[in-house]
Amino acid sequence: MDVRRQSPEFDSQVALFNWSELHEKRYPALTLLRGSMNGVHLTAAQAGKAKAAGMKKGEHDVTLPVARGGYVGLSIELKSGKNKPTKEQLEYGDHLKAEGWLVAYIWEWTEAADLIKRYLEGKL
């Protein structure tokens, strides 16, 4: 496998969305779960189009625009290995928190799935 093409954060996001599809009957709000394409490598032309269409630097990987437990939504930035959130991701998260969102930085998709379940069940 070409190491340059590996993308563990992307793979985690895909796994999380596969999990969400399996659990939509139990948690209907999962139909509103959304993913960002910020982690996907784009050509310069594609990146220009994405920016023009509203893609923001620092936008988190996963958002759930559903109010629970006093929050207006849940935003998750998935990381892998020793990766840390970027300055832009932290600033984006701070803006979301100021607007009433629950923000999390998570390194395992299974932890993200658990957080989403607890969030939807009001167990935070």
N, C-alpha and C. Protein backbone atom coordinates (compact mmCIF):
# COMPACT_ATOMS: atom_id res chain seq x y z
N MET A 1 0.85 -1.19 0.00
CA MET A 1 0.00 0.00 0.00
C MET A 1 0.89 1.24 0.00
N ASP A 2 0.52 2.22 -0.76
CA ASP A 2 1.27 3.48 -0.85
C ASP A 2 1.02 4.30 0.41
N VAL A 3 2.05 4.46 1.24
CA VAL A 3 1.92 5.16 2.52
C VAL A 3 1.45 6.60 2.31
N ARG A 4 1.85 7.22 1.21
CA ARG A 4 1.45 8.61 0.96
C ARG A 4 -0.06 8.74 0.80
N ARG A 5 -0.74 7.68 0.45
CA ARG A 5 -2.17 7.72 0.22
C ARG A 5 -2.99 7.34 1.45
N GLN A 6 -2.32 6.86 2.50
CA GLN A 6 -3.05 6.48 3.70
C GLN A 6 -3.63 7.71 4.37
N SER A 7 -4.83 7.57 4.88
CA SER A 7 -5.49 8.67 5.57
C SER A 7 -6.31 8.12 6.73
N PRO A 8 -5.66 7.85 7.87
CA PRO A 8 -6.37 7.25 9.00
C PRO A 8 -7.53 8.09 9.50
N GLU A 9 -7.42 9.41 9.45
CA GLU A 9 -8.54 10.25 9.90
C GLU A 9 -9.74 10.09 8.97
N PHE A 10 -9.49 10.03 7.68
CA PHE A 10 -10.57 9.80 6.72
C PHE A 10 -11.20 8.44 6.96
N ASP A 11 -10.37 7.41 7.17
CA ASP A 11 -10.88 6.06 7.42
C ASP A 11 -11.74 6.04 8.68
N SER A 12 -11.34 6.76 9.71
CA SER A 12 -12.12 6.84 10.95
C SER A 12 -13.46 7.50 10.68
N GLN A 13 -13.46 8.55 9.88
CA GLN A 13 -14.70 9.25 9.57
C GLN A 13 -15.64 8.32 8.80
N VAL A 14 -15.11 7.57 7.86
CA VAL A 14 -15.93 6.63 7.10
C VAL A 14 -16.51 5.57 8.03
N ALA A 15 -15.70 5.05 8.94
CA ALA A 15 -16.17 4.04 9.89
C ALA A 15 -17.29 4.61 10.77
N LEU A 16 -17.13 5.86 11.21
CA LEU A 16 -18.15 6.49 12.04
C LEU A 16 -19.47 6.63 11.28
N PHE A 17 -19.40 7.01 10.01
CA PHE A 17 -20.63 7.15 9.23
C PHE A 17 -21.24 5.80 8.89
N ASN A 18 -20.42 4.78 8.73
CA ASN A 18 -20.97 3.43 8.55
C ASN A 18 -21.71 3.01 9.81
N TRP A 19 -21.11 3.28 10.98
CA TRP A 19 -21.76 2.99 12.25
C TRP A 19 -23.08 3.74 12.35
N SER A 20 -23.08 5.02 11.99
CA SER A 20 -24.29 5.83 12.13
C SER A 20 -25.44 5.29 11.29
N GLU A 21 -25.13 4.82 10.09
CA GLU A 21 -26.18 4.26 9.23
C GLU A 21 -26.81 3.02 9.86
N LEU A 22 -26.02 2.24 10.57
CA LEU A 22 -26.52 1.04 11.22
C LEU A 22 -27.40 1.35 12.44
N HIS A 23 -27.29 2.58 12.96
CA HIS A 23 -28.00 2.93 14.19
C HIS A 23 -29.07 4.00 14.01
N GLU A 24 -29.42 4.33 12.77
CA GLU A 24 -30.41 5.38 12.52
C GLU A 24 -31.80 5.02 13.02
N LYS A 25 -32.16 3.76 13.04
CA LYS A 25 -33.49 3.39 13.53
C LYS A 25 -33.59 3.65 15.03
N ARG A 26 -32.53 3.34 15.76
CA ARG A 26 -32.53 3.59 17.21
C ARG A 26 -32.40 5.08 17.51
N TYR A 27 -31.59 5.76 16.71
CA TYR A 27 -31.34 7.20 16.90
C TYR A 27 -31.66 7.93 15.60
N PRO A 28 -32.93 8.25 15.35
CA PRO A 28 -33.32 8.90 14.09
C PRO A 28 -32.58 10.22 13.81
N ALA A 29 -32.13 10.89 14.85
CA ALA A 29 -31.40 12.15 14.65
C ALA A 29 -30.09 11.94 13.89
N LEU A 30 -29.61 10.71 13.83
CA LEU A 30 -28.37 10.44 13.08
C LEU A 30 -28.52 10.73 11.59
N THR A 31 -29.75 10.84 11.11
CA THR A 31 -29.94 11.20 9.70
C THR A 31 -29.42 12.61 9.43
N LEU A 32 -29.24 13.40 10.48
CA LEU A 32 -28.73 14.77 10.34
C LEU A 32 -27.21 14.86 10.51
N LEU A 33 -26.56 13.75 10.85
CA LEU A 33 -25.11 13.74 11.02
C LEU A 33 -24.44 14.10 9.70
N ARG A 34 -23.51 15.03 9.73
CA ARG A 34 -22.85 15.51 8.52
C ARG A 34 -21.34 15.44 8.65
N GLY A 35 -20.69 15.20 7.53
CA GLY A 35 -19.23 15.14 7.50
C GLY A 35 -18.66 16.21 6.60
N SER A 36 -17.50 16.70 6.99
CA SER A 36 -16.78 17.68 6.20
C SER A 36 -15.80 16.96 5.29
N MET A 37 -15.52 17.55 4.17
CA MET A 37 -14.52 17.00 3.26
C MET A 37 -13.17 17.71 3.41
N ASN A 38 -12.99 18.45 4.50
CA ASN A 38 -11.75 19.19 4.69
C ASN A 38 -10.51 18.30 4.68
N GLY A 39 -10.62 17.05 5.12
CA GLY A 39 -9.46 16.18 5.17
C GLY A 39 -9.09 15.54 3.84
N VAL A 40 -9.90 15.74 2.83
CA VAL A 40 -9.64 15.14 1.52
C VAL A 40 -8.70 16.04 0.73
N HIS A 41 -7.70 15.43 0.13
CA HIS A 41 -6.76 16.20 -0.68
C HIS A 41 -7.42 16.56 -2.01
N LEU A 42 -7.41 17.85 -2.31
CA LEU A 42 -8.05 18.36 -3.53
C LEU A 42 -7.00 18.99 -4.44
N THR A 43 -7.30 19.01 -5.72
CA THR A 43 -6.45 19.77 -6.64
C THR A 43 -6.63 21.25 -6.33
N ALA A 44 -5.78 22.08 -6.85
CA ALA A 44 -5.89 23.52 -6.62
C ALA A 44 -7.23 24.05 -7.13
N ALA A 45 -7.67 23.56 -8.29
CA ALA A 45 -8.95 24.00 -8.85
C ALA A 45 -10.10 23.56 -7.96
N GLN A 46 -10.07 22.31 -7.49
CA GLN A 46 -11.13 21.81 -6.60
C GLN A 46 -11.14 22.59 -5.28
N ALA A 47 -9.97 22.88 -4.75
CA ALA A 47 -9.88 23.62 -3.49
C ALA A 47 -10.45 25.03 -3.66
N GLY A 48 -10.19 25.64 -4.80
CA GLY A 48 -10.74 26.97 -5.08
C GLY A 48 -12.25 26.94 -5.14
N LYS A 49 -12.80 25.92 -5.78
CA LYS A 49 -14.26 25.78 -5.86
C LYS A 49 -14.84 25.51 -4.48
N ALA A 50 -14.19 24.66 -3.71
CA ALA A 50 -14.69 24.33 -2.37
C ALA A 50 -14.71 25.58 -1.49
N LYS A 51 -13.66 26.37 -1.57
CA LYS A 51 -13.60 27.61 -0.77
C LYS A 51 -14.69 28.58 -1.22
N ALA A 52 -14.86 28.72 -2.53
CA ALA A 52 -15.90 29.61 -3.05
C ALA A 52 -17.29 29.16 -2.62
N ALA A 53 -17.47 27.85 -2.46
CA ALA A 53 -18.77 27.30 -2.08
C ALA A 53 -18.99 27.29 -0.57
N GLY A 54 -17.98 27.77 0.19
CA GLY A 54 -18.18 27.92 1.63
C GLY A 54 -17.38 27.02 2.54
N MET A 55 -16.53 26.14 2.00
CA MET A 55 -15.71 25.31 2.86
C MET A 55 -14.75 26.21 3.63
N LYS A 56 -14.71 26.01 4.95
CA LYS A 56 -13.89 26.85 5.82
C LYS A 56 -12.69 26.08 6.34
N LYS A 57 -11.56 26.75 6.42
CA LYS A 57 -10.37 26.17 7.01
C LYS A 57 -10.64 26.00 8.51
N GLY A 58 -10.35 24.82 9.03
CA GLY A 58 -10.56 24.56 10.45
C GLY A 58 -11.90 23.93 10.77
N GLU A 59 -12.80 23.86 9.77
CA GLU A 59 -14.10 23.23 10.00
C GLU A 59 -13.89 21.81 10.49
N HIS A 60 -14.70 21.40 11.46
CA HIS A 60 -14.54 20.07 12.04
C HIS A 60 -15.07 18.99 11.11
N ASP A 61 -14.63 17.77 11.38
CA ASP A 61 -14.95 16.64 10.50
C ASP A 61 -16.41 16.23 10.54
N VAL A 62 -17.01 16.27 11.73
CA VAL A 62 -18.35 15.72 11.91
C VAL A 62 -19.19 16.70 12.72
N THR A 63 -20.40 16.97 12.25
CA THR A 63 -21.32 17.81 13.02
C THR A 63 -22.68 17.14 13.10
N LEU A 64 -23.33 17.36 14.22
CA LEU A 64 -24.68 16.86 14.44
C LEU A 64 -25.51 18.05 14.93
N PRO A 65 -26.26 18.70 14.02
CA PRO A 65 -27.03 19.89 14.37
C PRO A 65 -28.35 19.54 15.06
N VAL A 66 -28.22 18.94 16.23
CA VAL A 66 -29.37 18.48 17.01
C VAL A 66 -29.19 18.96 18.44
N ALA A 67 -30.18 19.65 18.97
CA ALA A 67 -30.10 20.16 20.34
C ALA A 67 -30.35 19.05 21.35
N ARG A 68 -29.44 18.95 22.33
CA ARG A 68 -29.59 18.00 23.44
C ARG A 68 -28.83 18.56 24.64
N GLY A 69 -29.38 18.32 25.81
CA GLY A 69 -28.66 18.62 27.04
C GLY A 69 -28.18 20.05 27.19
N GLY A 70 -28.92 21.00 26.65
CA GLY A 70 -28.51 22.39 26.75
C GLY A 70 -27.57 22.85 25.65
N TYR A 71 -27.17 21.95 24.76
CA TYR A 71 -26.32 22.31 23.62
C TYR A 71 -27.18 22.41 22.37
N VAL A 72 -26.75 23.24 21.43
CA VAL A 72 -27.49 23.36 20.17
C VAL A 72 -27.02 22.37 19.12
N GLY A 73 -25.89 21.74 19.36
CA GLY A 73 -25.35 20.77 18.42
C GLY A 73 -24.06 20.18 18.95
N LEU A 74 -23.56 19.18 18.23
CA LEU A 74 -22.33 18.48 18.57
C LEU A 74 -21.37 18.57 17.40
N SER A 75 -20.13 18.93 17.68
CA SER A 75 -19.10 19.01 16.64
C SER A 75 -17.90 18.19 17.08
N ILE A 76 -17.42 17.34 16.18
CA ILE A 76 -16.30 16.45 16.49
C ILE A 76 -15.21 16.63 15.45
N GLU A 77 -14.00 16.82 15.93
CA GLU A 77 -12.82 16.81 15.07
C GLU A 77 -12.10 15.50 15.34
N LEU A 78 -11.99 14.66 14.31
CA LEU A 78 -11.30 13.38 14.44
C LEU A 78 -9.82 13.55 14.17
N LYS A 79 -9.00 12.95 15.01
CA LYS A 79 -7.56 12.99 14.83
C LYS A 79 -7.07 11.54 14.83
N SER A 80 -5.81 11.35 14.47
CA SER A 80 -5.23 10.01 14.53
C SER A 80 -3.78 10.10 14.98
N GLY A 81 -3.33 9.02 15.58
CA GLY A 81 -1.94 8.96 16.01
C GLY A 81 -1.56 10.10 16.93
N LYS A 82 -0.46 10.75 16.59
CA LYS A 82 0.04 11.86 17.40
C LYS A 82 -0.44 13.21 16.88
N ASN A 83 -1.33 13.19 15.88
CA ASN A 83 -1.86 14.44 15.33
C ASN A 83 -2.62 15.21 16.41
N LYS A 84 -2.50 16.50 16.34
CA LYS A 84 -3.20 17.39 17.27
C LYS A 84 -4.06 18.35 16.45
N PRO A 85 -5.11 18.89 17.08
CA PRO A 85 -5.92 19.89 16.36
C PRO A 85 -5.07 21.08 15.94
N THR A 86 -5.35 21.61 14.75
CA THR A 86 -4.64 22.78 14.27
C THR A 86 -5.16 24.04 14.98
N LYS A 87 -4.42 25.10 14.84
CA LYS A 87 -4.85 26.39 15.39
C LYS A 87 -6.24 26.75 14.86
N GLU A 88 -6.44 26.56 13.56
CA GLU A 88 -7.72 26.89 12.93
C GLU A 88 -8.85 26.01 13.48
N GLN A 89 -8.57 24.73 13.71
CA GLN A 89 -9.59 23.83 14.25
C GLN A 89 -9.95 24.22 15.69
N LEU A 90 -8.97 24.60 16.47
CA LEU A 90 -9.24 25.04 17.84
C LEU A 90 -10.05 26.34 17.85
N GLU A 91 -9.69 27.27 16.97
CA GLU A 91 -10.43 28.53 16.89
C GLU A 91 -11.87 28.28 16.43
N TYR A 92 -12.05 27.40 15.44
CA TYR A 92 -13.38 27.06 14.97
C TYR A 92 -14.20 26.46 16.12
N GLY A 93 -13.57 25.57 16.87
CA GLY A 93 -14.23 24.97 18.02
C GLY A 93 -14.61 25.99 19.07
N ASP A 94 -13.74 26.97 19.31
CA ASP A 94 -14.05 28.02 20.28
C ASP A 94 -15.27 28.84 19.84
N HIS A 95 -15.35 29.11 18.54
CA HIS A 95 -16.51 29.85 18.02
C HIS A 95 -17.80 29.04 18.20
N LEU A 96 -17.71 27.74 17.93
CA LEU A 96 -18.88 26.87 18.12
C LEU A 96 -19.30 26.83 19.58
N LYS A 97 -18.33 26.69 20.47
CA LYS A 97 -18.64 26.66 21.91
C LYS A 97 -19.35 27.94 22.33
N ALA A 98 -18.88 29.06 21.81
CA ALA A 98 -19.50 30.36 22.15
C ALA A 98 -20.95 30.43 21.66
N GLU A 99 -21.29 29.62 20.67
CA GLU A 99 -22.65 29.59 20.13
C GLU A 99 -23.50 28.48 20.74
N GLY A 100 -22.94 27.78 21.74
CA GLY A 100 -23.72 26.77 22.44
C GLY A 100 -23.52 25.33 22.00
N TRP A 101 -22.50 25.08 21.21
CA TRP A 101 -22.22 23.73 20.74
C TRP A 101 -21.33 22.98 21.73
N LEU A 102 -21.49 21.66 21.77
CA LEU A 102 -20.55 20.79 22.46
C LEU A 102 -19.49 20.42 21.43
N VAL A 103 -18.22 20.63 21.78
CA VAL A 103 -17.12 20.39 20.85
C VAL A 103 -16.19 19.34 21.45
N ALA A 104 -15.77 18.39 20.62
CA ALA A 104 -14.86 17.35 21.09
C ALA A 104 -13.78 17.08 20.04
N TYR A 105 -12.59 16.77 20.53
CA TYR A 105 -11.47 16.35 19.69
C TYR A 105 -11.18 14.91 20.09
N ILE A 106 -11.32 13.99 19.13
CA ILE A 106 -11.32 12.57 19.45
C ILE A 106 -10.38 11.82 18.50
N TRP A 107 -9.66 10.82 19.07
CA TRP A 107 -8.67 10.07 18.30
C TRP A 107 -9.14 8.69 17.85
N GLU A 108 -10.27 8.21 18.31
CA GLU A 108 -10.80 6.90 17.90
C GLU A 108 -12.26 7.04 17.49
N TRP A 109 -12.62 6.52 16.33
CA TRP A 109 -14.00 6.67 15.87
C TRP A 109 -14.98 6.01 16.83
N THR A 110 -14.56 4.95 17.51
CA THR A 110 -15.45 4.29 18.46
C THR A 110 -15.77 5.20 19.64
N GLU A 111 -14.82 6.01 20.04
CA GLU A 111 -15.08 7.00 21.10
C GLU A 111 -16.05 8.07 20.60
N ALA A 112 -15.92 8.44 19.34
CA ALA A 112 -16.84 9.41 18.76
C ALA A 112 -18.25 8.82 18.72
N ALA A 113 -18.38 7.56 18.35
CA ALA A 113 -19.69 6.91 18.32
C ALA A 113 -20.29 6.87 19.71
N ASP A 114 -19.48 6.56 20.72
CA ASP A 114 -19.96 6.53 22.10
C ASP A 114 -20.42 7.92 22.54
N LEU A 115 -19.65 8.94 22.21
CA LEU A 115 -20.03 10.32 22.56
C LEU A 115 -21.37 10.68 21.90
N ILE A 116 -21.52 10.34 20.65
CA ILE A 116 -22.76 10.66 19.93
C ILE A 116 -23.95 9.96 20.60
N LYS A 117 -23.79 8.69 20.94
CA LYS A 117 -24.87 7.96 21.62
C LYS A 117 -25.23 8.64 22.94
N ARG A 118 -24.22 8.94 23.75
CA ARG A 118 -24.48 9.58 25.04
C ARG A 118 -25.11 10.96 24.85
N TYR A 119 -24.67 11.70 23.85
CA TYR A 119 -25.24 13.00 23.55
C TYR A 119 -26.72 12.87 23.20
N LEU A 120 -27.05 11.95 22.30
CA LEU A 120 -28.43 11.78 21.87
C LEU A 120 -29.33 11.24 22.99
N GLU A 121 -28.74 10.48 23.91
CA GLU A 121 -29.52 9.94 25.03
C GLU A 121 -29.58 10.89 26.21
N GLY A 122 -28.93 12.06 26.09
CA GLY A 122 -28.92 13.04 27.17
C GLY A 122 -28.14 12.59 28.38
N LYS A 123 -27.08 11.82 28.16
CA LYS A 123 -26.29 11.26 29.26
C LYS A 123 -24.93 11.91 29.41
N LEU A 124 -24.83 13.18 29.11
CA LEU A 124 -23.54 13.88 29.28
C LEU A 124 -23.55 14.72 30.53
